[in-house]
Amino acid sequence: MTRWTIWVPLLGVVALVATWNWHPTAVLVPVGVLLGAAVLAAVHHAEVVAHRVGEPFGSLVLAVAVTVIEVALIVTLMTSGGSDTSTLARDTAFAAAMITTNGIVGVCILIGALKRDFAEFNPEGTATALATVATLATLTLVLPTFTTSAPGPEFSSAQLAFAAVASIALYGLFVVVQTVRHRDYFLPVGGADDPEAHAPAPTNRQTVQSLVLLLVALVAVVGLAKTESPAIEDGVDAIGAPHSAVGVVIALLVLLPETLAAVRNARRDRVQTSFNLAYGSAIASIGLTIPAIAVASIWLEGPLVLGLGPTQMVLLAITAVVSALTVLPGRATLQEGGVHLVLFAAFVFLAVFP
């Protein structure tokens, strides 16, 4: 284990504590550099843990760790109040879904297709993950716009409780299917020539150390992203974009560790592992965020807006259709990768210029 991967997460937490309620302009640049270093350290430690526990457990560790910390950040921001926090959970969950299913998936398909003419993966496991993402997104982000028990795009208390229980049930069932019942559906079909795949597994001590440092690094990534948020808000205001665009930028920062890990696996011809990271993160982001917010809403003041707007629902619908056509054959070409990246670009553009 290289020395910088040890001290960078620790230094990131120190910087986070020092700048939590103090954001002078002079520290934004060094904090941004430290944020990038913490992302790289998180990817390193995630890969150490993944190598020890094997797939798909390695992808699950990173996805759940990032999502749990992301949920904690959302609840903290909503508890502390501030402007437009009523849509924070919705904006973050939707942004995470679009970033993973279009941005990460599109880049990984391009990398895999450029290397072997097409990216190859297991359609059974990937289709299962996609179906779970689509169902979770529809139950928690689309239906609130059309229900009538509560005014506006909101759930009533009973509806919110049902959505929370359903989300937990679907997430738990997916984890069982992914790790126990049909684990072979989520194992990479490529990567036989990857020398790192045959490297000696890390010891238990190294694995535990990397797991602890992974959690520390992720805390630093999410916290430093929050530290950078005032500068992001100023930039968003400067171009006249809506406040929801801030959530998109922060989601991009928070998902950087998973993005880099997915890209590195795609370069090793392990596209299935990349998909495990992408779709697993989307499932965890929705399946854990909504129940957590449902519990937090007991003491949170103000409305909890979960329903998407018309533009967002159109993007979600076309993403579901395109993703299904992409994953069902079990292989994808440059065209599919390009389609997903265009959808991701449309999401980012419309978030800034609605």
Protein backbone atom coordinates (compact mmCIF):
# COMPACT_ATOMS: atom_id res chain seq x y z
CA MET A 1 0.00 0.00 0.00
CA THR A 2 1.51 3.31 -1.06
CA ARG A 3 2.01 5.92 1.63
CA TRP A 4 -0.05 8.68 -0.04
CA THR A 5 -3.19 6.52 -0.04
CA ILE A 6 -2.92 6.42 3.76
CA TRP A 7 -2.30 10.06 4.59
CA VAL A 8 -4.56 11.66 1.94
CA PRO A 9 -7.85 10.38 3.48
CA LEU A 10 -6.68 11.43 6.95
CA LEU A 11 -5.62 14.85 5.70
CA GLY A 12 -8.95 15.17 3.91
CA VAL A 13 -10.88 14.62 7.14
CA VAL A 14 -8.68 17.16 8.93
CA ALA A 15 -9.37 19.70 6.17
CA LEU A 16 -13.07 18.86 6.35
CA VAL A 17 -13.21 19.56 10.08
CA ALA A 18 -11.23 22.79 9.64
CA THR A 19 -13.47 24.15 6.86
CA TRP A 20 -16.90 22.72 7.81
CA ASN A 21 -18.48 26.07 8.71
CA TRP A 22 -15.73 28.29 7.29
CA HIS A 23 -15.35 28.61 3.54
CA PRO A 24 -12.85 31.37 2.64
CA THR A 25 -12.13 31.73 -1.05
CA ALA A 26 -8.41 31.16 -0.50
CA VAL A 27 -8.89 27.52 0.54
CA LEU A 28 -11.21 26.47 -2.29
CA VAL A 29 -8.37 25.55 -4.68
CA PRO A 30 -6.33 23.44 -2.20
CA VAL A 31 -9.56 21.83 -0.98
CA GLY A 32 -10.42 20.97 -4.58
CA VAL A 33 -6.99 19.38 -5.10
CA LEU A 34 -7.37 17.42 -1.87
CA LEU A 35 -10.84 16.33 -2.99
CA GLY A 36 -9.41 14.86 -6.20
CA ALA A 37 -6.66 13.08 -4.27
CA ALA A 38 -9.23 11.64 -1.84
CA VAL A 39 -11.21 10.29 -4.80
CA LEU A 40 -8.14 8.48 -6.13
CA ALA A 41 -7.37 7.11 -2.67
CA ALA A 42 -10.94 5.85 -2.31
CA VAL A 43 -10.70 4.03 -5.65
CA HIS A 44 -7.42 2.41 -4.59
CA HIS A 45 -8.79 1.12 -1.30
CA ALA A 46 -12.02 -0.04 -2.94
CA GLU A 47 -10.02 -2.13 -5.39
CA VAL A 48 -7.99 -3.67 -2.56
CA VAL A 49 -11.19 -4.69 -0.78
CA ALA A 50 -12.75 -5.90 -4.04
CA HIS A 51 -9.70 -8.05 -4.80
CA ARG A 52 -9.94 -9.69 -1.39
CA VAL A 53 -13.68 -10.38 -1.28
CA GLY A 54 -14.14 -10.95 -5.03
CA GLU A 55 -17.00 -9.97 -7.29
CA PRO A 56 -19.75 -8.93 -6.96
CA PHE A 57 -19.06 -8.19 -3.29
CA GLY A 58 -16.35 -5.67 -4.14
CA SER A 59 -18.71 -3.55 -6.23
CA LEU A 60 -21.34 -3.79 -3.50
CA VAL A 61 -18.93 -2.49 -0.84
CA LEU A 62 -18.11 0.69 -2.79
CA ALA A 63 -21.71 1.34 -3.89
CA VAL A 64 -23.17 0.96 -0.40
CA ALA A 65 -20.38 2.93 1.29
CA VAL A 66 -20.77 5.91 -1.04
CA THR A 67 -24.57 5.83 -0.81
CA VAL A 68 -24.71 5.63 2.99
CA ILE A 69 -22.46 8.68 3.30
CA GLU A 70 -24.41 10.47 0.57
CA VAL A 71 -27.66 9.82 2.43
CA ALA A 72 -26.11 11.16 5.63
CA LEU A 73 -25.11 14.32 3.78
CA ILE A 74 -28.64 14.80 2.37
CA VAL A 75 -30.26 14.35 5.77
CA THR A 76 -27.75 16.76 7.33
CA LEU A 77 -28.42 19.43 4.71
CA MET A 78 -32.18 19.02 4.98
CA THR A 79 -32.04 19.16 8.77
CA SER A 80 -29.97 22.34 8.73
CA GLY A 81 -32.50 23.94 6.42
CA GLY A 82 -31.53 26.33 3.67
CA SER A 83 -33.07 27.21 0.36
CA ASP A 84 -34.77 24.61 -1.82
CA THR A 85 -34.05 21.65 0.47
CA SER A 86 -37.53 20.25 -0.19
CA THR A 87 -36.35 18.86 -3.55
CA LEU A 88 -32.83 17.87 -2.46
CA ALA A 89 -33.54 14.14 -2.06
CA ARG A 90 -35.36 13.99 -5.40
CA ASP A 91 -32.68 15.92 -7.29
CA THR A 92 -29.87 13.84 -5.81
CA ALA A 93 -31.52 10.47 -6.43
CA PHE A 94 -32.47 11.39 -10.00
CA ALA A 95 -29.00 12.81 -10.73
CA ALA A 96 -27.37 9.64 -9.37
CA ALA A 97 -29.62 7.48 -11.56
CA MET A 98 -28.85 9.47 -14.72
CA ILE A 99 -25.11 9.70 -14.01
CA THR A 100 -24.79 5.97 -13.43
CA THR A 101 -27.14 4.56 -16.08
CA ASN A 102 -26.06 6.92 -18.86
CA GLY A 103 -22.75 8.56 -17.94
CA ILE A 104 -20.84 5.65 -16.38
CA VAL A 105 -22.48 2.98 -18.54
CA GLY A 106 -21.87 4.99 -21.72
CA VAL A 107 -18.17 5.60 -21.02
CA CYS A 108 -17.57 1.96 -20.08
CA ILE A 109 -19.29 0.70 -23.22
CA LEU A 110 -17.13 2.99 -25.35
CA ILE A 111 -13.96 1.75 -23.66
CA GLY A 112 -14.97 -1.89 -24.01
CA ALA A 113 -16.07 -1.48 -27.63
CA LEU A 114 -12.88 0.32 -28.63
CA LYS A 115 -10.83 -2.53 -27.17
CA ARG A 116 -12.73 -5.55 -28.57
CA ASP A 117 -15.19 -4.11 -31.15
CA PHE A 118 -17.98 -4.58 -28.59
CA ALA A 119 -18.41 -4.54 -24.83
CA GLU A 120 -19.46 -7.93 -23.47
CA PHE A 121 -21.36 -8.57 -20.25
CA ASN A 122 -23.94 -10.89 -18.68
CA PRO A 123 -27.44 -9.89 -19.86
CA GLU A 124 -29.17 -11.81 -17.04
CA GLY A 125 -27.53 -9.93 -14.20
CA THR A 126 -27.48 -6.57 -15.93
CA ALA A 127 -31.15 -6.80 -16.93
CA THR A 128 -32.07 -7.72 -13.34
CA ALA A 129 -30.24 -4.64 -12.06
CA LEU A 130 -31.82 -2.40 -14.71
CA ALA A 131 -35.33 -3.66 -13.91
CA THR A 132 -34.72 -2.88 -10.25
CA VAL A 133 -33.52 0.64 -11.04
CA ALA A 134 -36.52 1.33 -13.28
CA THR A 135 -38.99 0.05 -10.69
CA LEU A 136 -37.44 1.99 -7.82
CA ALA A 137 -37.29 5.19 -9.86
CA THR A 138 -40.93 4.85 -10.93
CA LEU A 139 -42.26 4.05 -7.45
CA THR A 140 -40.39 6.82 -5.67
CA LEU A 141 -39.78 9.59 -8.24
CA VAL A 142 -42.57 9.32 -10.84
CA LEU A 143 -45.70 8.25 -8.93
CA PRO A 144 -45.64 11.22 -6.48
CA THR A 145 -46.38 13.51 -9.43
CA PHE A 146 -49.63 11.68 -10.15
CA THR A 147 -50.97 10.73 -6.70
CA THR A 148 -53.82 12.81 -5.30
CA SER A 149 -53.74 12.17 -1.54
CA ALA A 150 -51.31 15.05 -0.96
CA PRO A 151 -51.10 18.38 -2.82
CA GLY A 152 -48.34 18.80 -5.38
CA PRO A 153 -45.72 16.19 -6.32
CA GLU A 154 -45.64 14.73 -2.81
CA PHE A 155 -46.54 11.48 -1.10
CA SER A 156 -48.93 11.27 1.82
CA SER A 157 -47.52 9.75 5.01
CA ALA A 158 -48.97 6.33 4.18
CA GLN A 159 -47.70 6.47 0.60
CA LEU A 160 -44.24 7.52 1.75
CA ALA A 161 -44.14 4.64 4.22
CA PHE A 162 -45.14 2.18 1.49
CA ALA A 163 -42.49 3.56 -0.88
CA ALA A 164 -39.85 3.25 1.84
CA VAL A 165 -40.75 -0.37 2.67
CA ALA A 166 -40.93 -1.31 -1.02
CA SER A 167 -37.53 0.30 -1.67
CA ILE A 168 -35.88 -1.57 1.20
CA ALA A 169 -37.50 -4.83 0.09
CA LEU A 170 -36.35 -4.46 -3.52
CA TYR A 171 -32.84 -3.45 -2.48
CA GLY A 172 -32.53 -6.36 -0.03
CA LEU A 173 -33.85 -8.84 -2.61
CA PHE A 174 -31.39 -7.56 -5.21
CA VAL A 175 -28.45 -7.98 -2.81
CA VAL A 176 -29.49 -11.59 -2.13
CA VAL A 177 -29.83 -12.32 -5.85
CA GLN A 178 -26.52 -10.62 -6.64
CA THR A 179 -24.43 -12.22 -3.92
CA VAL A 180 -26.11 -15.56 -3.18
CA ARG A 181 -28.80 -16.94 -5.47
CA HIS A 182 -27.41 -15.91 -8.87
CA ARG A 183 -23.92 -14.62 -8.14
CA ASP A 184 -22.64 -16.05 -11.46
CA TYR A 185 -24.87 -13.59 -13.35
CA PHE A 186 -22.77 -10.71 -11.99
CA LEU A 187 -19.28 -12.11 -12.55
CA PRO A 188 -17.15 -10.55 -15.33
CA VAL A 189 -17.04 -12.43 -18.62
CA GLY A 190 -13.75 -10.81 -19.69
CA GLY A 191 -10.56 -9.81 -18.02
CA ALA A 192 -8.80 -13.17 -18.41
CA ASP A 193 -5.66 -11.37 -19.62
CA ASP A 194 -5.64 -8.88 -16.76
CA PRO A 195 -2.42 -9.51 -14.78
CA GLU A 196 -3.88 -7.85 -11.69
CA ALA A 197 -6.68 -10.43 -11.58
CA HIS A 198 -4.07 -13.11 -10.87
CA ALA A 199 -2.07 -11.09 -8.33
CA PRO A 200 -1.91 -12.46 -4.76
CA ALA A 201 -4.91 -11.44 -2.69
CA PRO A 202 -4.25 -8.91 0.08
CA THR A 203 -4.06 -10.19 3.63
CA ASN A 204 -6.89 -9.80 6.11
CA ARG A 205 -4.97 -7.01 7.85
CA GLN A 206 -4.47 -5.12 4.57
CA THR A 207 -8.13 -5.60 3.68
CA VAL A 208 -9.39 -4.26 7.01
CA GLN A 209 -6.98 -1.33 6.78
CA SER A 210 -8.17 -0.50 3.27
CA LEU A 211 -11.83 -0.84 4.30
CA VAL A 212 -11.34 1.66 7.14
CA LEU A 213 -9.38 4.05 4.91
CA LEU A 214 -12.04 3.67 2.19
CA LEU A 215 -14.73 4.87 4.59
CA VAL A 216 -12.48 7.73 5.76
CA ALA A 217 -11.76 8.73 2.16
CA LEU A 218 -15.45 8.68 1.26
CA VAL A 219 -16.30 10.86 4.25
CA ALA A 220 -13.63 13.28 3.04
CA VAL A 221 -14.95 13.21 -0.55
CA VAL A 222 -18.57 13.91 0.41
CA GLY A 223 -17.65 16.48 3.06
CA LEU A 224 -15.18 18.36 0.87
CA ALA A 225 -17.75 18.37 -1.93
CA LYS A 226 -20.06 20.15 0.50
CA THR A 227 -17.24 22.59 1.32
CA GLU A 228 -16.93 23.37 -2.37
CA SER A 229 -20.70 23.84 -2.73
CA PRO A 230 -20.67 27.64 -2.07
CA ALA A 231 -18.34 28.12 -5.03
CA ILE A 232 -20.54 25.81 -7.08
CA GLU A 233 -23.64 27.77 -6.08
CA ASP A 234 -21.95 31.02 -7.11
CA GLY A 235 -21.10 29.53 -10.49
CA VAL A 236 -24.64 28.24 -10.97
CA ASP A 237 -26.09 31.63 -10.08
CA ALA A 238 -23.65 33.35 -12.43
CA ILE A 239 -24.97 31.44 -15.45
CA GLY A 240 -28.60 31.74 -14.35
CA ALA A 241 -29.13 28.01 -13.84
CA PRO A 242 -31.73 26.69 -11.37
CA HIS A 243 -30.67 25.71 -7.87
CA SER A 244 -31.22 22.02 -8.67
CA ALA A 245 -28.10 22.17 -10.86
CA VAL A 246 -26.05 22.43 -7.66
CA GLY A 247 -27.25 18.96 -6.69
CA VAL A 248 -26.16 17.62 -10.07
CA VAL A 249 -22.64 19.00 -9.68
CA ILE A 250 -22.33 17.67 -6.14
CA ALA A 251 -23.64 14.26 -7.28
CA LEU A 252 -20.98 14.21 -9.98
CA LEU A 253 -18.31 14.84 -7.35
CA VAL A 254 -19.68 12.26 -4.92
CA LEU A 255 -19.86 9.58 -7.65
CA LEU A 256 -16.29 10.19 -8.85
CA PRO A 257 -14.85 7.19 -6.94
CA GLU A 258 -17.33 4.80 -8.52
CA THR A 259 -16.85 6.38 -11.94
CA LEU A 260 -13.07 5.97 -11.85
CA ALA A 261 -13.36 2.42 -10.52
CA ALA A 262 -15.83 1.52 -13.29
CA VAL A 263 -13.60 3.02 -15.99
CA ARG A 264 -10.54 1.16 -14.73
CA ASN A 265 -12.45 -2.12 -14.79
CA ALA A 266 -13.68 -1.44 -18.33
CA ARG A 267 -10.10 -0.86 -19.43
CA ARG A 268 -9.27 -4.30 -18.04
CA ASP A 269 -12.11 -5.80 -20.11
CA ARG A 270 -14.27 -6.30 -17.02
CA VAL A 271 -17.35 -4.42 -18.24
CA GLN A 272 -19.67 -6.52 -16.08
CA THR A 273 -17.88 -5.24 -12.98
CA SER A 274 -18.30 -1.70 -14.31
CA PHE A 275 -22.02 -2.33 -14.74
CA ASN A 276 -22.22 -3.79 -11.23
CA LEU A 277 -20.82 -0.51 -9.93
CA ALA A 278 -23.07 1.67 -12.09
CA TYR A 279 -26.42 -0.04 -11.62
CA GLY A 280 -25.62 -1.06 -8.05
CA SER A 281 -24.98 2.57 -7.19
CA ALA A 282 -28.27 3.63 -8.77
CA ILE A 283 -30.18 0.95 -6.84
CA ALA A 284 -28.48 1.86 -3.56
CA SER A 285 -28.93 5.58 -4.11
CA ILE A 286 -32.69 5.27 -4.54
CA GLY A 287 -33.29 2.20 -2.37
CA LEU A 288 -31.47 3.65 0.65
CA THR A 289 -32.14 7.37 0.19
CA ILE A 290 -35.93 7.22 0.12
CA PRO A 291 -36.31 5.09 3.29
CA ALA A 292 -33.81 7.31 5.13
CA ILE A 293 -35.63 10.46 4.07
CA ALA A 294 -38.96 8.87 5.01
CA VAL A 295 -37.68 8.32 8.55
CA ALA A 296 -36.07 11.76 8.70
CA SER A 297 -39.30 13.40 7.51
CA ILE A 298 -40.78 12.64 10.93
CA TRP A 299 -38.85 15.56 12.40
CA LEU A 300 -37.99 17.52 9.24
CA GLU A 301 -40.04 20.66 8.67
CA GLY A 302 -41.47 21.72 5.34
CA PRO A 303 -42.65 19.71 2.31
CA LEU A 304 -40.82 16.73 0.86
CA VAL A 305 -41.06 16.98 -2.92
CA LEU A 306 -40.24 13.66 -4.61
CA GLY A 307 -42.12 13.86 -7.92
CA LEU A 308 -40.15 14.60 -11.06
CA GLY A 309 -41.12 17.25 -13.57
CA PRO A 310 -42.15 16.50 -17.19
CA THR A 311 -38.65 16.96 -18.64
CA GLN A 312 -37.08 14.70 -16.05
CA MET A 313 -39.72 11.99 -16.59
CA VAL A 314 -39.11 12.03 -20.35
CA LEU A 315 -35.37 11.60 -19.77
CA LEU A 316 -36.02 8.76 -17.31
CA ALA A 317 -38.40 7.00 -19.71
CA ILE A 318 -36.07 7.14 -22.72
CA THR A 319 -33.19 6.03 -20.49
CA ALA A 320 -35.16 2.95 -19.41
CA VAL A 321 -36.03 2.03 -23.01
CA VAL A 322 -32.52 2.59 -24.37
CA SER A 323 -30.93 0.76 -21.44
CA ALA A 324 -33.15 -2.26 -22.00
CA LEU A 325 -32.19 -2.40 -25.67
CA THR A 326 -28.54 -2.07 -24.67
CA VAL A 327 -28.32 -4.79 -22.02
CA LEU A 328 -30.62 -7.53 -23.38
CA PRO A 329 -28.25 -8.74 -26.18
CA GLY A 330 -25.34 -9.12 -23.72
CA ARG A 331 -23.01 -7.05 -25.87
CA ALA A 332 -22.93 -3.41 -26.95
CA THR A 333 -21.13 -1.42 -29.64
CA LEU A 334 -19.86 2.14 -29.91
CA GLN A 335 -23.34 3.22 -31.04
CA GLU A 336 -24.99 2.19 -27.78
CA GLY A 337 -22.23 3.90 -25.81
CA GLY A 338 -22.71 7.06 -27.82
CA VAL A 339 -26.49 7.02 -27.31
CA HIS A 340 -26.09 6.78 -23.53
CA LEU A 341 -23.55 9.59 -23.47
CA VAL A 342 -25.84 11.83 -25.54
CA LEU A 343 -28.64 11.17 -23.03
CA PHE A 344 -26.25 12.02 -20.21
CA ALA A 345 -25.23 15.24 -21.98
CA ALA A 346 -28.90 16.11 -22.46
CA PHE A 347 -29.52 15.57 -18.73
CA VAL A 348 -26.64 17.86 -17.74
CA PHE A 349 -27.55 20.51 -20.33
CA LEU A 350 -31.22 20.60 -19.33
CA ALA A 351 -30.27 20.72 -15.65
CA VAL A 352 -28.35 23.93 -16.35
CA PHE A 353 -30.69 25.34 -19.04
CA PRO A 354 -34.17 23.96 -18.30
